[in-house]
Amino acid sequence: MNGDKIRKPEDLAGIIRKRRQRLQMRQETLSSITGVAQSNLSRIERGEVLAELDTYLRLLGALGVDLVAEARS
């Protein structure tokens, strides 16, 4: 997960899903922590719906993941 490139929303969704699973956290638990409805979380993780940046940041923060922007070389 370290250094994953994010080029599209689906990449971010995959990072969220993988990290949640790695932590053995249920969607219901992440939903409770972040206030994101479980049904929306499920659709976000599958890449079926685009979320607001704030929502992605809340999910990543709850999972202990920092989003870092870096200029391409």
C-alpha atoms as a PDB file:
ATOM      1  CA  MET A   1       0.000   0.000   0.000  1.00  0.00           C
ATOM      2  CA  ASN A   2       2.961   2.288   0.521  1.00  0.00           C
ATOM      3  CA  GLY A   3       3.350   4.525  -2.516  1.00  0.00           C
ATOM      4  CA  ASP A   4       0.165   3.487  -4.339  1.00  0.00           C
ATOM      5  CA  LYS A   5      -0.513   5.793  -7.278  1.00  0.00           C
ATOM      6  CA  ILE A   6      -3.963   7.327  -7.453  1.00  0.00           C
ATOM      7  CA  ARG A   7      -4.957   8.348 -10.945  1.00  0.00           C
ATOM      8  CA  LYS A   8      -8.735   7.934 -10.717  1.00  0.00           C
ATOM      9  CA  PRO A   9     -11.415   7.572  -8.019  1.00  0.00           C
ATOM     10  CA  GLU A  10     -11.483   3.798  -8.433  1.00  0.00           C
ATOM     11  CA  ASP A  11      -7.840   3.655  -7.309  1.00  0.00           C
ATOM     12  CA  LEU A  12      -8.762   5.441  -4.099  1.00  0.00           C
ATOM     13  CA  ALA A  13     -11.722   3.107  -3.607  1.00  0.00           C
ATOM     14  CA  GLY A  14      -9.423   0.102  -3.918  1.00  0.00           C
ATOM     15  CA  ILE A  15      -7.033   1.510  -1.334  1.00  0.00           C
ATOM     16  CA  ILE A  16      -9.910   2.035   1.086  1.00  0.00           C
ATOM     17  CA  ARG A  17     -11.224  -1.493   0.591  1.00  0.00           C
ATOM     18  CA  LYS A  18      -7.783  -3.152   0.883  1.00  0.00           C
ATOM     19  CA  ARG A  19      -6.864  -1.224   4.023  1.00  0.00           C
ATOM     20  CA  ARG A  20     -10.208  -1.940   5.678  1.00  0.00           C
ATOM     21  CA  GLN A  21      -9.844  -5.636   4.920  1.00  0.00           C
ATOM     22  CA  ARG A  22      -6.213  -5.650   6.097  1.00  0.00           C
ATOM     23  CA  LEU A  23      -7.405  -4.211   9.409  1.00  0.00           C
ATOM     24  CA  GLN A  24     -10.146  -6.867   9.522  1.00  0.00           C
ATOM     25  CA  MET A  25     -12.691  -4.105   9.902  1.00  0.00           C
ATOM     26  CA  ARG A  26     -16.280  -4.570   8.823  1.00  0.00           C
ATOM     27  CA  GLN A  27     -17.974  -1.983   6.638  1.00  0.00           C
ATOM     28  CA  GLU A  28     -20.479  -1.423   9.432  1.00  0.00           C
ATOM     29  CA  THR A  29     -17.667  -0.467  11.808  1.00  0.00           C
ATOM     30  CA  LEU A  30     -16.072   1.965   9.362  1.00  0.00           C
ATOM     31  CA  SER A  31     -19.513   3.389   8.679  1.00  0.00           C
ATOM     32  CA  SER A  32     -20.091   4.033  12.389  1.00  0.00           C
ATOM     33  CA  ILE A  33     -16.695   5.687  12.812  1.00  0.00           C
ATOM     34  CA  THR A  34     -17.008   7.978   9.784  1.00  0.00           C
ATOM     35  CA  GLY A  35     -20.726   8.637   9.523  1.00  0.00           C
ATOM     36  CA  VAL A  36     -20.743   7.325   5.939  1.00  0.00           C
ATOM     37  CA  ALA A  37     -23.762   5.092   5.405  1.00  0.00           C
ATOM     38  CA  GLN A  38     -22.771   1.437   4.977  1.00  0.00           C
ATOM     39  CA  SER A  39     -24.671   1.234   1.687  1.00  0.00           C
ATOM     40  CA  ASN A  40     -22.718   4.233   0.353  1.00  0.00           C
ATOM     41  CA  LEU A  41     -19.444   2.817   1.648  1.00  0.00           C
ATOM     42  CA  SER A  42     -20.118  -0.420  -0.195  1.00  0.00           C
ATOM     43  CA  ARG A  43     -20.790   1.442  -3.446  1.00  0.00           C
ATOM     44  CA  ILE A  44     -17.715   3.644  -2.960  1.00  0.00           C
ATOM     45  CA  GLU A  45     -15.489   0.599  -2.421  1.00  0.00           C
ATOM     46  CA  ARG A  46     -16.847  -1.029  -5.575  1.00  0.00           C
ATOM     47  CA  GLY A  47     -16.261   2.152  -7.576  1.00  0.00           C
ATOM     48  CA  GLU A  48     -19.948   2.447  -8.383  1.00  0.00           C
ATOM     49  CA  VAL A  49     -20.334   5.958  -7.005  1.00  0.00           C
ATOM     50  CA  LEU A  50     -18.057   8.958  -6.703  1.00  0.00           C
ATOM     51  CA  ALA A  51     -17.825  10.562  -3.283  1.00  0.00           C
ATOM     52  CA  GLU A  52     -16.903  14.057  -2.164  1.00  0.00           C
ATOM     53  CA  LEU A  53     -13.238  14.556  -1.318  1.00  0.00           C
ATOM     54  CA  ASP A  54     -14.232  15.111   2.311  1.00  0.00           C
ATOM     55  CA  THR A  55     -15.784  11.640   2.400  1.00  0.00           C
ATOM     56  CA  TYR A  56     -12.651  10.005   1.002  1.00  0.00           C
ATOM     57  CA  LEU A  57     -10.536  11.882   3.545  1.00  0.00           C
ATOM     58  CA  ARG A  58     -12.759  10.799   6.456  1.00  0.00           C
ATOM     59  CA  LEU A  59     -12.550   7.169   5.330  1.00  0.00           C
ATOM     60  CA  LEU A  60      -8.785   7.294   4.841  1.00  0.00           C
ATOM     61  CA  GLY A  61      -8.270   9.058   8.176  1.00  0.00           C
ATOM     62  CA  ALA A  62     -10.305   6.451  10.031  1.00  0.00           C
ATOM     63  CA  LEU A  63      -8.190   3.749   8.385  1.00  0.00           C
ATOM     64  CA  GLY A  64      -4.905   5.442   9.329  1.00  0.00           C
ATOM     65  CA  VAL A  65      -3.982   6.353   5.753  1.00  0.00           C
ATOM     66  CA  ASP A  66      -2.537   9.723   4.724  1.00  0.00           C
ATOM     67  CA  LEU A  67      -3.201  11.118   1.285  1.00  0.00           C
ATOM     68  CA  VAL A  68      -0.017  12.766  -0.031  1.00  0.00           C
ATOM     69  CA  ALA A  69       0.206  14.874  -3.172  1.00  0.00           C
ATOM     70  CA  GLU A  70       3.523  14.817  -4.988  1.00  0.00           C
ATOM     71  CA  ALA A  71       4.614  16.483  -8.202  1.00  0.00           C
ATOM     72  CA  ARG A  72       5.426  14.113 -11.041  1.00  0.00           C
ATOM     73  CA  SER A  73       9.046  14.136 -12.081  1.00  0.00           C
END
